[in-house]
Amino acid sequence: MWRDRIENGLAKMQERGELGASADPHDLALALLSAIEGGLLLAKTTRSSRPLEIAMHMAIDHVARHLNAP
């Protein structure tokens, strides 16, 4: 369900021209969710928020590479 919602949001960004035409909303959504889930798991096991912070920054940077300049 979460992947679908993220994918829909990315697809809408692509329709508005904010996300490049070559970007794949499905794959980007899967990558975002995977990074967050992995970061959450590591954060729980290490009892530190740092793994989640790193994963989120990496995921956001990955999506940002597909953004069109304003």
N, C-alpha and C. Protein backbone atom coordinates (compact mmCIF):
# COMPACT_ATOMS: atom_id res chain seq x y z
N MET A 1 0.83 -1.19 0.00
CA MET A 1 0.00 0.00 0.00
C MET A 1 0.88 1.27 0.00
N TRP A 2 1.93 1.28 0.84
CA TRP A 2 2.79 2.46 0.90
C TRP A 2 3.50 2.69 -0.43
N ARG A 3 3.98 1.59 -1.05
CA ARG A 3 4.68 1.75 -2.31
C ARG A 3 3.74 2.35 -3.35
N ASP A 4 2.49 1.91 -3.37
CA ASP A 4 1.52 2.45 -4.31
C ASP A 4 1.30 3.95 -4.10
N ARG A 5 1.21 4.37 -2.87
CA ARG A 5 0.99 5.79 -2.59
C ARG A 5 2.20 6.63 -2.99
N ILE A 6 3.39 6.12 -2.68
CA ILE A 6 4.60 6.85 -3.07
C ILE A 6 4.70 6.90 -4.59
N GLU A 7 4.43 5.76 -5.23
CA GLU A 7 4.48 5.70 -6.69
C GLU A 7 3.49 6.67 -7.32
N ASN A 8 2.29 6.75 -6.79
CA ASN A 8 1.28 7.67 -7.32
C ASN A 8 1.74 9.12 -7.18
N GLY A 9 2.35 9.45 -6.06
CA GLY A 9 2.86 10.80 -5.86
C GLY A 9 3.96 11.13 -6.85
N LEU A 10 4.87 10.19 -7.06
CA LEU A 10 5.95 10.40 -8.03
C LEU A 10 5.41 10.50 -9.45
N ALA A 11 4.40 9.70 -9.77
CA ALA A 11 3.78 9.76 -11.10
C ALA A 11 3.13 11.13 -11.33
N LYS A 12 2.49 11.66 -10.30
CA LYS A 12 1.88 13.00 -10.42
C LYS A 12 2.96 14.06 -10.61
N MET A 13 4.08 13.90 -9.91
CA MET A 13 5.20 14.83 -10.11
C MET A 13 5.69 14.76 -11.56
N GLN A 14 5.73 13.56 -12.10
CA GLN A 14 6.18 13.38 -13.48
C GLN A 14 5.19 14.02 -14.45
N GLU A 15 3.90 13.86 -14.20
CA GLU A 15 2.87 14.47 -15.05
C GLU A 15 2.98 15.99 -15.05
N ARG A 16 3.36 16.58 -13.93
CA ARG A 16 3.50 18.03 -13.82
C ARG A 16 4.84 18.52 -14.37
N GLY A 17 5.70 17.58 -14.79
CA GLY A 17 6.99 17.95 -15.35
C GLY A 17 8.07 18.19 -14.30
N GLU A 18 7.78 17.86 -13.05
CA GLU A 18 8.76 18.05 -11.98
C GLU A 18 9.78 16.92 -11.94
N LEU A 19 9.36 15.74 -12.36
CA LEU A 19 10.21 14.57 -12.37
C LEU A 19 10.50 14.22 -13.83
N GLY A 20 11.74 13.92 -14.13
CA GLY A 20 12.15 13.65 -15.50
C GLY A 20 11.37 12.52 -16.14
N ALA A 21 11.24 12.60 -17.45
CA ALA A 21 10.48 11.60 -18.21
C ALA A 21 11.13 10.22 -18.14
N SER A 22 12.45 10.18 -17.96
CA SER A 22 13.14 8.89 -17.91
C SER A 22 13.04 8.22 -16.54
N ALA A 23 12.54 8.93 -15.55
CA ALA A 23 12.41 8.35 -14.20
C ALA A 23 11.29 7.32 -14.20
N ASP A 24 11.47 6.27 -13.45
CA ASP A 24 10.46 5.22 -13.31
C ASP A 24 9.84 5.32 -11.92
N PRO A 25 8.62 5.88 -11.82
CA PRO A 25 8.00 6.06 -10.50
C PRO A 25 7.89 4.77 -9.69
N HIS A 26 7.65 3.66 -10.36
CA HIS A 26 7.54 2.38 -9.65
C HIS A 26 8.87 2.02 -8.98
N ASP A 27 9.94 2.08 -9.75
CA ASP A 27 11.26 1.74 -9.21
C ASP A 27 11.71 2.73 -8.14
N LEU A 28 11.44 4.01 -8.36
CA LEU A 28 11.82 5.02 -7.37
C LEU A 28 11.06 4.80 -6.06
N ALA A 29 9.77 4.47 -6.16
CA ALA A 29 8.97 4.21 -4.97
C ALA A 29 9.50 3.00 -4.22
N LEU A 30 9.85 1.96 -4.96
CA LEU A 30 10.39 0.76 -4.34
C LEU A 30 11.72 1.05 -3.65
N ALA A 31 12.56 1.85 -4.30
CA ALA A 31 13.85 2.22 -3.71
C ALA A 31 13.66 3.05 -2.44
N LEU A 32 12.76 4.01 -2.48
CA LEU A 32 12.48 4.84 -1.30
C LEU A 32 11.99 3.99 -0.13
N LEU A 33 11.02 3.15 -0.40
CA LEU A 33 10.46 2.32 0.66
C LEU A 33 11.49 1.34 1.20
N SER A 34 12.29 0.76 0.33
CA SER A 34 13.32 -0.17 0.76
C SER A 34 14.34 0.51 1.66
N ALA A 35 14.75 1.71 1.29
CA ALA A 35 15.72 2.45 2.10
C ALA A 35 15.14 2.77 3.47
N ILE A 36 13.91 3.21 3.50
CA ILE A 36 13.28 3.58 4.77
C ILE A 36 13.09 2.35 5.65
N GLU A 37 12.60 1.26 5.07
CA GLU A 37 12.39 0.04 5.85
C GLU A 37 13.72 -0.49 6.40
N GLY A 38 14.75 -0.48 5.56
CA GLY A 38 16.07 -0.92 6.01
C GLY A 38 16.62 -0.02 7.10
N GLY A 39 16.46 1.28 6.91
CA GLY A 39 16.91 2.23 7.91
C GLY A 39 16.19 2.07 9.23
N LEU A 40 14.88 1.81 9.16
CA LEU A 40 14.11 1.58 10.38
C LEU A 40 14.57 0.32 11.11
N LEU A 41 14.80 -0.74 10.36
CA LEU A 41 15.24 -1.99 10.97
C LEU A 41 16.59 -1.80 11.67
N LEU A 42 17.52 -1.16 10.99
CA LEU A 42 18.83 -0.92 11.59
C LEU A 42 18.73 0.03 12.78
N ALA A 43 17.86 1.03 12.68
CA ALA A 43 17.68 1.96 13.80
C ALA A 43 17.18 1.22 15.03
N LYS A 44 16.26 0.28 14.83
CA LYS A 44 15.73 -0.48 15.96
C LYS A 44 16.80 -1.38 16.56
N THR A 45 17.57 -2.05 15.71
CA THR A 45 18.55 -3.00 16.24
C THR A 45 19.74 -2.31 16.88
N THR A 46 20.09 -1.11 16.39
CA THR A 46 21.23 -0.39 16.97
C THR A 46 20.80 0.62 18.03
N ARG A 47 19.50 0.81 18.15
CA ARG A 47 18.95 1.80 19.10
C ARG A 47 19.52 3.19 18.84
N SER A 48 19.60 3.50 17.55
CA SER A 48 20.11 4.80 17.11
C SER A 48 19.31 5.23 15.89
N SER A 49 19.00 6.49 15.81
CA SER A 49 18.26 6.99 14.65
C SER A 49 19.16 7.24 13.44
N ARG A 50 20.46 7.15 13.65
CA ARG A 50 21.42 7.48 12.57
C ARG A 50 21.24 6.62 11.31
N PRO A 51 21.04 5.30 11.40
CA PRO A 51 20.84 4.53 10.18
C PRO A 51 19.62 5.00 9.37
N LEU A 52 18.55 5.37 10.05
CA LEU A 52 17.37 5.87 9.36
C LEU A 52 17.66 7.22 8.71
N GLU A 53 18.36 8.09 9.42
CA GLU A 53 18.71 9.40 8.86
C GLU A 53 19.54 9.24 7.59
N ILE A 54 20.53 8.37 7.63
CA ILE A 54 21.40 8.15 6.46
C ILE A 54 20.58 7.58 5.30
N ALA A 55 19.74 6.59 5.59
CA ALA A 55 18.92 5.97 4.53
C ALA A 55 17.97 6.98 3.90
N MET A 56 17.36 7.82 4.72
CA MET A 56 16.43 8.82 4.19
C MET A 56 17.15 9.84 3.32
N HIS A 57 18.30 10.31 3.76
CA HIS A 57 19.06 11.27 2.96
C HIS A 57 19.48 10.66 1.63
N MET A 58 19.93 9.41 1.67
CA MET A 58 20.34 8.74 0.45
C MET A 58 19.16 8.58 -0.51
N ALA A 59 18.02 8.18 0.02
CA ALA A 59 16.84 7.98 -0.82
C ALA A 59 16.36 9.29 -1.44
N ILE A 60 16.34 10.35 -0.65
CA ILE A 60 15.92 11.66 -1.16
C ILE A 60 16.90 12.16 -2.22
N ASP A 61 18.18 11.97 -1.99
CA ASP A 61 19.18 12.36 -2.98
C ASP A 61 19.00 11.59 -4.29
N HIS A 62 18.65 10.32 -4.18
CA HIS A 62 18.44 9.50 -5.38
C HIS A 62 17.27 10.04 -6.20
N VAL A 63 16.18 10.36 -5.54
CA VAL A 63 15.02 10.92 -6.25
C VAL A 63 15.37 12.29 -6.82
N ALA A 64 16.10 13.09 -6.07
CA ALA A 64 16.46 14.44 -6.51
C ALA A 64 17.25 14.43 -7.81
N ARG A 65 18.01 13.37 -8.05
CA ARG A 65 18.77 13.27 -9.32
C ARG A 65 17.86 13.18 -10.53
N HIS A 66 16.60 12.84 -10.30
CA HIS A 66 15.62 12.70 -11.39
C HIS A 66 14.73 13.92 -11.56
N LEU A 67 14.93 14.93 -10.72
CA LEU A 67 14.09 16.12 -10.79
C LEU A 67 14.53 17.02 -11.95
N ASN A 68 13.55 17.67 -12.54
CA ASN A 68 13.83 18.68 -13.56
C ASN A 68 14.10 20.00 -12.87
N ALA A 69 14.99 20.77 -13.42
CA ALA A 69 15.30 22.10 -12.87
C ALA A 69 14.06 22.97 -13.00
N PRO A 70 13.79 23.80 -11.98
CA PRO A 70 12.61 24.69 -12.04
C PRO A 70 12.74 25.74 -13.11
